[in-house]
Protein backbone atom coordinates (compact mmCIF):
# COMPACT_ATOMS: atom_id res chain seq x y z
CA MET A 1 0.00 0.00 0.00
CA HIS A 2 1.38 3.36 -1.04
CA THR A 3 -0.30 6.61 0.01
CA LEU A 4 -3.05 5.43 2.31
CA ALA A 5 -4.06 7.33 5.40
CA ALA A 6 -3.66 5.36 8.62
CA SER A 7 -7.42 5.39 9.11
CA GLU A 8 -7.97 3.99 5.61
CA ARG A 9 -5.41 1.25 6.16
CA GLN A 10 -7.09 0.30 9.42
CA VAL A 11 -10.48 -0.04 7.71
CA LEU A 12 -9.12 -2.13 4.85
CA GLU A 13 -7.50 -4.55 7.25
CA THR A 14 -10.94 -5.47 8.67
CA ILE A 15 -11.92 -7.32 5.47
CA GLU A 16 -11.92 -11.07 6.09
CA PRO A 17 -10.77 -13.21 3.12
CA GLN A 18 -12.02 -16.53 4.49
CA GLU A 19 -15.48 -15.15 5.18
CA MET A 20 -15.70 -13.90 1.61
CA LEU A 21 -14.55 -17.23 0.17
CA ASN A 22 -17.04 -19.10 2.33
CA GLN A 23 -19.84 -16.88 1.01
CA VAL A 24 -18.90 -17.51 -2.61
CA GLN A 25 -18.72 -21.25 -2.10
CA THR A 26 -22.08 -21.33 -0.34
CA TRP A 27 -23.85 -19.11 -2.87
CA ALA A 28 -22.33 -20.78 -5.94
CA SER A 29 -23.35 -24.21 -4.64
CA VAL A 30 -27.01 -23.28 -5.22
CA ASN A 31 -28.07 -23.23 -8.86
CA SER A 32 -29.59 -19.84 -9.66
CA GLY A 33 -30.05 -19.96 -13.41
CA SER A 34 -32.27 -17.15 -14.68
CA GLY A 35 -35.17 -19.57 -15.16
CA ASN A 36 -34.70 -21.59 -11.98
CA LEU A 37 -37.25 -19.87 -9.75
CA ASP A 38 -36.71 -22.20 -6.79
CA GLY A 39 -32.95 -21.70 -6.92
CA LEU A 40 -33.35 -17.95 -7.25
CA ALA A 41 -35.70 -17.88 -4.27
CA SER A 42 -33.16 -19.78 -2.16
CA THR A 43 -30.37 -17.49 -3.30
CA ALA A 44 -32.43 -14.35 -2.64
CA LYS A 45 -33.10 -15.56 0.90
CA MET A 46 -29.39 -16.21 1.53
CA LEU A 47 -28.44 -12.81 0.16
CA ALA A 48 -31.15 -11.03 2.16
CA ASP A 49 -29.77 -12.63 5.32
CA ALA A 50 -26.21 -11.70 4.39
CA PHE A 51 -27.02 -8.07 3.58
CA ALA A 52 -28.91 -7.66 6.84
CA VAL A 53 -25.57 -6.58 8.36
CA ILE A 54 -25.92 -3.34 6.35
CA PRO A 55 -27.81 -0.66 8.36
CA GLY A 56 -30.75 -0.25 6.01
CA ASP A 57 -34.07 -1.62 4.85
CA VAL A 58 -33.77 -5.02 3.12
CA ALA A 59 -36.64 -6.01 0.83
CA LEU A 60 -37.47 -8.52 -1.89
CA VAL A 61 -39.17 -6.80 -4.82
CA ALA A 62 -41.54 -8.52 -7.23
CA PRO A 63 -40.39 -8.63 -10.86
CA GLU A 64 -42.19 -6.72 -13.60
CA PRO A 65 -44.25 -8.91 -15.98
CA VAL A 66 -42.32 -9.88 -19.11
CA ASP A 67 -43.69 -11.17 -22.42
CA ARG A 68 -41.97 -13.75 -24.61
CA VAL A 69 -42.76 -14.95 -28.11
CA LEU A 70 -43.10 -18.75 -28.22
CA PRO A 71 -42.13 -20.82 -31.29
CA ASP A 72 -45.79 -21.06 -32.35
CA GLY A 73 -46.06 -17.27 -32.43
CA SER A 74 -48.13 -16.91 -29.30
CA ILE A 75 -47.03 -14.47 -26.62
CA THR A 76 -46.86 -15.57 -23.01
CA THR A 77 -45.81 -14.04 -19.70
CA VAL A 78 -42.51 -15.32 -18.36
CA ALA A 79 -41.90 -15.59 -14.62
CA HIS A 80 -38.73 -14.21 -13.06
CA GLY A 81 -37.34 -14.26 -9.55
CA GLN A 82 -37.61 -11.53 -6.96
CA HIS A 83 -35.00 -8.79 -6.80
CA LEU A 84 -33.11 -7.86 -3.64
CA LEU A 85 -33.26 -4.16 -2.76
CA VAL A 86 -31.44 -2.54 0.15
CA THR A 87 -32.00 1.14 0.99
CA VAL A 88 -29.68 2.97 3.39
CA ARG A 89 -30.09 6.57 4.61
CA PRO A 90 -32.41 7.71 1.78
CA ASP A 91 -32.49 11.29 3.07
CA SER A 92 -28.72 11.85 3.01
CA PRO A 93 -27.42 14.56 0.66
CA THR A 94 -25.10 12.23 -1.27
CA GLN A 95 -26.67 9.13 -2.86
CA LEU A 96 -24.89 6.21 -4.53
CA LEU A 97 -26.08 3.08 -6.33
CA PHE A 98 -24.59 -0.41 -6.18
CA THR A 99 -25.81 -3.22 -8.41
CA GLY A 100 -25.22 -6.88 -9.02
CA HIS A 101 -27.12 -9.97 -10.13
CA MET A 102 -27.87 -13.27 -8.48
CA ASP A 103 -28.73 -15.22 -11.64
CA THR A 104 -26.33 -17.26 -13.74
CA VAL A 105 -26.53 -18.63 -17.29
CA PHE A 106 -26.55 -22.23 -16.04
CA PRO A 107 -30.05 -23.78 -15.78
CA ALA A 108 -30.98 -26.37 -13.20
CA ASP A 109 -30.34 -29.24 -15.64
CA HIS A 110 -26.94 -27.98 -16.82
CA GLU A 111 -23.98 -30.31 -16.29
CA PHE A 112 -21.96 -27.53 -14.63
CA GLN A 113 -23.13 -27.56 -11.01
CA LYS A 114 -20.14 -28.26 -8.74
CA LEU A 115 -17.14 -26.33 -7.43
CA ARG A 116 -13.57 -27.55 -7.75
CA TRP A 117 -10.12 -26.15 -7.17
CA LEU A 118 -7.97 -25.76 -10.28
CA ASP A 119 -5.02 -24.88 -8.06
CA ASP A 120 -4.50 -23.37 -4.61
CA GLY A 121 -5.63 -19.94 -5.77
CA THR A 122 -8.16 -20.62 -8.53
CA LEU A 123 -11.73 -21.80 -7.95
CA ASN A 124 -13.85 -23.21 -10.77
CA GLY A 125 -17.62 -23.20 -10.44
CA PRO A 126 -20.90 -21.84 -11.79
CA GLY A 127 -21.15 -18.12 -11.08
CA VAL A 128 -18.03 -17.89 -8.92
CA ALA A 129 -16.86 -14.90 -10.97
CA ASP A 130 -20.12 -13.86 -12.63
CA MET A 131 -21.13 -12.88 -10.10
CA LYS A 132 -21.37 -14.56 -6.73
CA GLY A 133 -17.79 -13.38 -6.19
CA GLY A 134 -18.78 -9.85 -7.15
CA ILE A 135 -21.65 -9.83 -4.68
CA SER A 136 -19.27 -10.86 -1.92
CA VAL A 137 -16.93 -8.02 -2.90
CA MET A 138 -19.79 -5.52 -2.80
CA LEU A 139 -20.97 -6.68 0.62
CA ALA A 140 -17.48 -6.73 2.14
CA ALA A 141 -16.72 -3.25 0.83
CA LEU A 142 -19.95 -1.69 2.09
CA ARG A 143 -19.61 -3.41 5.44
CA ALA A 144 -16.05 -2.11 5.87
CA ALA A 145 -17.01 1.40 4.75
CA GLU A 146 -19.91 1.42 7.22
CA LEU A 147 -17.65 0.29 10.06
CA SER A 148 -15.31 3.18 9.27
CA GLY A 149 -18.03 5.69 10.12
CA SER A 150 -17.23 7.69 6.98
CA LEU A 151 -20.65 7.21 5.33
CA SER A 152 -22.73 9.15 7.85
CA ARG A 153 -23.78 11.72 5.22
CA THR A 154 -24.01 9.24 2.35
CA GLY A 155 -27.01 7.14 1.50
CA TYR A 156 -27.22 4.42 -1.09
CA GLN A 157 -29.31 1.71 -2.62
CA ILE A 158 -28.25 -1.81 -3.52
CA LEU A 159 -29.99 -3.81 -6.23
CA ILE A 160 -29.22 -7.46 -6.84
CA ASN A 161 -31.54 -8.53 -9.61
CA SER A 162 -32.56 -11.99 -10.76
CA ASP A 163 -32.60 -11.50 -14.53
CA GLU A 164 -29.43 -9.70 -15.64
CA GLU A 165 -28.22 -12.65 -17.69
CA VAL A 166 -31.35 -12.49 -19.85
CA GLY A 167 -31.20 -8.71 -20.32
CA SER A 168 -32.88 -7.51 -17.10
CA PRO A 169 -36.37 -7.35 -18.66
CA SER A 170 -38.18 -7.59 -15.30
CA SER A 171 -35.86 -5.17 -13.49
CA ALA A 172 -35.10 -2.51 -16.13
CA LYS A 173 -37.77 -0.12 -14.83
CA LEU A 174 -36.50 -0.60 -11.27
CA ILE A 175 -32.92 0.12 -12.36
CA ALA A 176 -34.04 3.34 -14.04
CA LYS A 177 -35.97 4.37 -10.93
CA LEU A 178 -33.08 3.67 -8.58
CA ALA A 179 -30.61 5.57 -10.79
CA GLN A 180 -32.48 8.83 -10.29
CA ASN A 181 -30.55 11.45 -8.26
CA LYS A 182 -27.52 9.22 -7.75
CA LEU A 183 -24.06 10.78 -7.79
CA ALA A 184 -22.42 7.63 -9.13
CA ALA A 185 -22.84 3.87 -9.40
CA LEU A 186 -20.67 0.80 -9.04
CA THR A 187 -21.64 -2.53 -10.59
CA TYR A 188 -19.90 -5.79 -9.72
CA GLU A 189 -19.42 -7.65 -12.99
CA PRO A 190 -16.05 -9.45 -13.07
CA ALA A 191 -12.92 -7.73 -14.28
CA LEU A 192 -10.60 -9.54 -16.67
CA PRO A 193 -8.02 -11.93 -15.15
CA ASP A 194 -5.36 -9.19 -15.28
CA GLY A 195 -7.69 -6.72 -13.56
CA THR A 196 -8.61 -4.67 -16.63
CA LEU A 197 -12.05 -3.03 -16.37
CA ALA A 198 -14.67 -2.57 -19.06
CA GLY A 199 -14.94 1.01 -20.25
CA ALA A 200 -17.27 2.00 -23.07
CA ARG A 201 -19.83 -0.60 -24.08
CA GLY A 202 -21.98 -0.95 -27.16
CA GLY A 203 -25.70 -1.53 -26.83
CA SER A 204 -27.85 -4.55 -27.56
CA GLY A 205 -31.31 -5.10 -28.97
CA ASN A 206 -33.14 -8.41 -29.18
CA PHE A 207 -36.16 -8.86 -31.43
CA SER A 208 -38.55 -11.59 -32.50
CA ILE A 209 -40.38 -10.94 -35.76
CA ILE A 210 -43.49 -13.08 -36.31
CA LEU A 211 -44.31 -13.57 -40.00
CA SER A 212 -47.75 -14.81 -41.04
CA GLY A 213 -48.36 -15.98 -44.61
CA VAL A 214 -50.94 -18.20 -46.28
CA SER A 215 -50.76 -21.99 -46.43
CA ALA A 216 -51.41 -23.91 -49.64
CA HIS A 217 -50.68 -27.30 -51.21
CA ALA A 218 -47.09 -27.36 -52.41
CA GLY A 219 -48.05 -29.28 -55.56
CA ARG A 220 -51.60 -28.39 -56.49
CA ASN A 221 -51.72 -24.64 -55.87
CA PRO A 222 -48.41 -23.34 -54.48
CA ASP A 223 -48.92 -19.91 -56.00
CA ASP A 224 -51.95 -19.40 -53.78
CA GLY A 225 -49.68 -19.62 -50.74
CA ARG A 226 -47.55 -16.95 -49.11
CA ASN A 227 -44.39 -18.59 -47.80
CA ALA A 228 -43.50 -17.28 -44.34
CA ILE A 229 -40.21 -19.18 -44.24
CA VAL A 230 -39.03 -17.55 -47.47
CA ALA A 231 -40.08 -14.16 -46.13
CA ALA A 232 -38.18 -14.80 -42.90
CA ALA A 233 -35.07 -15.89 -44.81
CA ASP A 234 -35.24 -12.79 -47.02
CA LEU A 235 -35.71 -10.63 -43.94
CA ALA A 236 -32.69 -12.23 -42.26
CA LEU A 237 -30.48 -11.50 -45.26
CA ARG A 238 -31.67 -7.90 -45.56
CA LEU A 239 -31.13 -7.23 -41.86
CA LYS A 240 -27.67 -8.77 -42.00
CA ARG A 241 -26.79 -6.31 -44.76
CA LEU A 242 -27.41 -3.48 -42.29
CA SER A 243 -24.13 -4.46 -40.55
CA ARG A 244 -21.48 -1.76 -40.81
CA GLU A 245 -18.90 0.02 -38.72
CA GLY A 246 -20.54 0.56 -35.34
CA LEU A 247 -23.31 -2.00 -35.88
CA SER A 248 -23.25 -5.79 -35.78
CA VAL A 249 -26.41 -7.66 -36.81
CA ASN A 250 -26.86 -11.32 -35.96
CA PRO A 251 -29.93 -13.13 -37.35
CA ALA A 252 -29.83 -15.99 -34.87
CA LYS A 253 -32.74 -18.35 -35.52
CA ILE A 254 -35.69 -19.02 -37.82
CA GLU A 255 -38.52 -21.04 -36.29
CA GLY A 256 -41.72 -22.32 -37.86
CA GLY A 257 -42.36 -24.08 -41.13
CA SER A 258 -44.60 -26.94 -42.15
CA PRO A 259 -44.51 -30.39 -43.81
CA ASN A 260 -42.73 -30.52 -47.16
CA ASN A 261 -45.99 -30.62 -49.09
CA VAL A 262 -47.44 -27.48 -47.49
CA VAL A 263 -46.49 -23.87 -48.15
CA PRO A 264 -45.61 -22.66 -44.63
CA ASP A 265 -47.74 -19.85 -43.27
CA HIS A 266 -45.77 -19.25 -40.05
CA ALA A 267 -42.20 -18.26 -39.18
CA ILE A 268 -40.35 -16.35 -36.47
CA LEU A 269 -37.02 -14.64 -36.98
CA ARG A 270 -34.91 -13.99 -33.86
CA VAL A 271 -32.26 -11.31 -34.36
CA ASN A 272 -29.76 -9.41 -32.21
CA PHE A 273 -28.35 -5.94 -32.94
CA ARG A 274 -25.20 -4.49 -31.34
CA PRO A 275 -25.09 -0.70 -31.93
CA ARG A 276 -22.21 1.32 -30.52
CA THR A 277 -23.87 4.73 -30.23
CA PRO A 278 -27.32 6.15 -29.47
CA GLU A 279 -27.43 7.63 -32.98
CA ILE A 280 -26.93 4.18 -34.49
CA VAL A 281 -29.71 2.83 -32.27
CA ALA A 282 -32.16 5.38 -33.67
CA GLN A 283 -31.11 4.72 -37.26
CA THR A 284 -31.22 0.95 -36.80
CA ASP A 285 -34.69 1.08 -35.30
CA ALA A 286 -35.90 3.04 -38.32
CA ASP A 287 -34.11 0.68 -40.73
CA LEU A 288 -35.57 -2.37 -39.03
CA ARG A 289 -39.12 -1.09 -39.40
CA ARG A 290 -38.51 -0.04 -43.01
CA VAL A 291 -37.12 -3.45 -43.98
CA ILE A 292 -40.03 -5.24 -42.29
CA ALA A 293 -42.49 -3.07 -44.21
CA ASP A 294 -40.70 -3.93 -47.47
CA ILE A 295 -40.91 -7.64 -46.66
CA GLU A 296 -44.62 -7.37 -45.89
CA ARG A 297 -45.29 -5.64 -49.20
CA GLU A 298 -43.06 -7.77 -51.42
CA HIS A 299 -43.97 -11.17 -49.93
CA ASP A 300 -47.59 -10.33 -49.15
CA VAL A 301 -47.24 -11.43 -45.53
CA ARG A 302 -48.04 -9.84 -42.19
CA ALA A 303 -45.31 -9.13 -39.64
CA HIS A 304 -45.41 -8.45 -35.92
CA LEU A 305 -42.30 -6.97 -34.28
CA HIS A 306 -41.63 -7.86 -30.65
CA GLY A 307 -38.59 -6.69 -28.66
CA SER A 308 -36.49 -3.63 -27.95
CA PHE A 309 -33.02 -2.20 -27.56
CA GLY A 310 -32.97 -3.20 -23.90
CA ARG A 311 -29.31 -2.28 -23.38
CA PRO A 312 -28.50 1.26 -24.53
CA PRO A 313 -24.90 1.99 -25.61
CA LYS A 314 -22.62 3.18 -22.81
CA PRO A 315 -20.10 5.77 -23.97
CA ILE A 316 -17.53 7.22 -21.57
CA ASP A 317 -18.40 10.86 -20.93
CA GLY A 318 -16.67 13.40 -18.70
CA ALA A 319 -18.38 12.28 -15.48
CA ALA A 320 -17.57 8.63 -16.18
CA GLU A 321 -13.94 9.56 -16.83
CA LYS A 322 -13.80 11.24 -13.41
CA LEU A 323 -15.23 8.15 -11.72
CA PHE A 324 -12.76 5.90 -13.54
CA GLY A 325 -10.02 8.30 -12.50
CA LEU A 326 -11.03 7.97 -8.86
CA VAL A 327 -10.98 4.18 -9.10
CA LYS A 328 -7.58 4.33 -10.83
CA LYS A 329 -6.14 6.56 -8.08
CA CYS A 330 -7.51 4.28 -5.36
CA GLY A 331 -5.96 1.34 -7.15
CA ALA A 332 -2.60 3.07 -7.38
CA ASP A 333 -2.67 3.76 -3.64
CA LEU A 334 -3.26 0.04 -3.11
CA GLY A 335 -0.43 -0.92 -5.46
CA LEU A 336 -2.84 -1.94 -8.24
CA SER A 337 -2.57 -0.82 -11.83
CA ILE A 338 -6.12 -0.08 -13.00
CA ALA A 339 -6.80 0.15 -16.72
CA TRP A 340 -9.95 -0.11 -18.79
CA ARG A 341 -10.89 -0.77 -22.38
CA ALA A 342 -14.00 -0.90 -24.53
CA SER A 343 -16.10 -4.06 -24.40
CA GLY A 344 -18.57 -5.64 -26.78
CA GLY A 345 -20.49 -7.12 -23.86
CA VAL A 346 -23.45 -5.48 -22.15
CA CYS A 347 -24.74 -5.38 -18.58
CA ASP A 348 -26.83 -3.29 -16.19
CA GLY A 349 -24.14 -0.63 -16.39
CA ASN A 350 -25.53 0.21 -19.84
CA ASN A 351 -28.94 0.94 -18.35
CA ILE A 352 -27.52 3.00 -15.49
CA ALA A 353 -25.37 5.12 -17.79
CA ALA A 354 -28.40 5.76 -20.01
CA CYS A 355 -29.97 7.51 -17.00
CA GLY A 356 -27.08 9.98 -16.92
CA VAL A 357 -25.31 8.38 -13.94
CA PRO A 358 -21.56 7.66 -14.21
CA VAL A 359 -20.84 3.99 -13.55
CA VAL A 360 -17.89 1.64 -13.34
CA ASP A 361 -19.46 -1.73 -13.97
CA THR A 362 -16.60 -4.22 -13.51
CA MET A 363 -15.78 -3.72 -9.83
CA GLY A 364 -16.07 -7.44 -9.14
CA VAL A 365 -13.45 -10.15 -8.85
CA ARG A 366 -10.75 -11.03 -11.32
CA GLY A 367 -11.80 -14.14 -13.20
CA GLY A 368 -12.48 -15.56 -16.62
CA ASN A 369 -14.16 -18.03 -18.97
CA ILE A 370 -17.52 -16.79 -17.74
CA HIS A 371 -20.68 -18.32 -19.23
CA SER A 372 -18.85 -21.63 -19.65
CA LYS A 373 -18.08 -24.69 -17.54
CA ASP A 374 -14.50 -23.37 -17.31
CA GLU A 375 -15.52 -20.25 -15.37
CA PHE A 376 -12.96 -19.42 -12.69
CA LEU A 377 -12.34 -17.02 -9.82
CA ILE A 378 -8.87 -15.82 -8.81
CA VAL A 379 -9.37 -16.09 -5.07
CA GLU A 380 -6.83 -13.47 -3.98
CA SER A 381 -8.88 -10.89 -5.90
CA LEU A 382 -11.74 -11.15 -3.39
CA VAL A 383 -9.95 -9.05 -0.78
CA GLU A 384 -8.04 -7.07 -3.40
CA ARG A 385 -11.21 -5.88 -5.11
CA ALA A 386 -13.09 -5.41 -1.84
CA GLN A 387 -10.33 -3.06 -0.69
CA LEU A 388 -10.49 -1.21 -4.00
CA SER A 389 -14.24 -0.73 -3.64
CA THR A 390 -14.02 0.24 0.02
CA LEU A 391 -11.46 2.93 -0.68
CA THR A 392 -13.44 4.20 -3.67
CA ILE A 393 -16.66 4.38 -1.65
CA MET A 394 -15.02 6.13 1.30
CA ARG A 395 -13.30 8.76 -0.86
CA LEU A 396 -16.37 9.31 -3.02
CA SER A 397 -18.42 9.79 0.13
CA ALA A 398 -15.89 12.20 1.61
CA LYS A 399 -15.89 14.38 -1.51
CA GLY A 400 -19.63 14.24 -2.18
CA VAL A 401 -18.88 15.15 -5.81
CA LEU A 402 -16.94 13.63 -8.66
């Protein structure tokens, strides 16, 4: 440690590495895939108990209803787990936001369910880095900062949602509400193994386009039919041609069809867009609707568009640069070299930044191979990153401004 005040050093030394590791192992041993409601309920209960050490109101919040297009074209409501919300000193002049997620990408029937040690300092397991480890870092940092007594004039809210891995559809409105009037936000996605943080992020939009044609006999009267599969294929090709610098388009799946002797009257195209700027989002939305209208006219089919750009692009503006600078300075005082670079991935940090709140969204552990059975946590980074967060929170609170 380099230029730490004695009081800061004393606070950082209160962070317990074994307690953090025990938390991660306990939490990661319970499957909490985004669709595993029982596992999410168990995890939410464990987290609510753990965060009860924070001097605030701990609540479980019901998810917003979310619609999903099924392969047959019908639209159904999808259930999600409850979200954990902690509110501390809501009347204080300085307000911060901390976010994380309890869900993983591994469903209850996935083969990847157990923890194992790759070596003495590397733990492999579902969600150990993304982000059961990050939640432990958040809790340890806030607990240490509270014990320091330096947050008396700082309030904050903590959101740990249950649906981040599927785009936060049932918590997006809550995120936007919580971001209001916050000075800054920290989100606990994992950093890269070398500690590099994510800086600017592109956005993401997911859409399902339902195409309805007219069925007919493929031999007797095919010209009386309107082939929805052909329309979907043509639509996929036209949307793919929208790809350019600053925009990636991925037509991911065509569903529907019929027996070989029937002109298919039903198809669904699933497509993902990755725009880098808000301007590209607006243009892409207009292009998408224009292309769909062309397909309807030229193929004589009907189309229904379902979806949205649920993750807005996250550029790095002046306020975000100041927050990154604070984290970098805190890292330097801890002997850590903090760097960041643009990422093609998206997270709740995108949504927070879209509300005008500066956010550093990779304050979690160092780890890698996330979203795979090779996911790992570098165990020494638990305390390392908790100390980084604690120092950042204390100094941000002391300044009250960026």
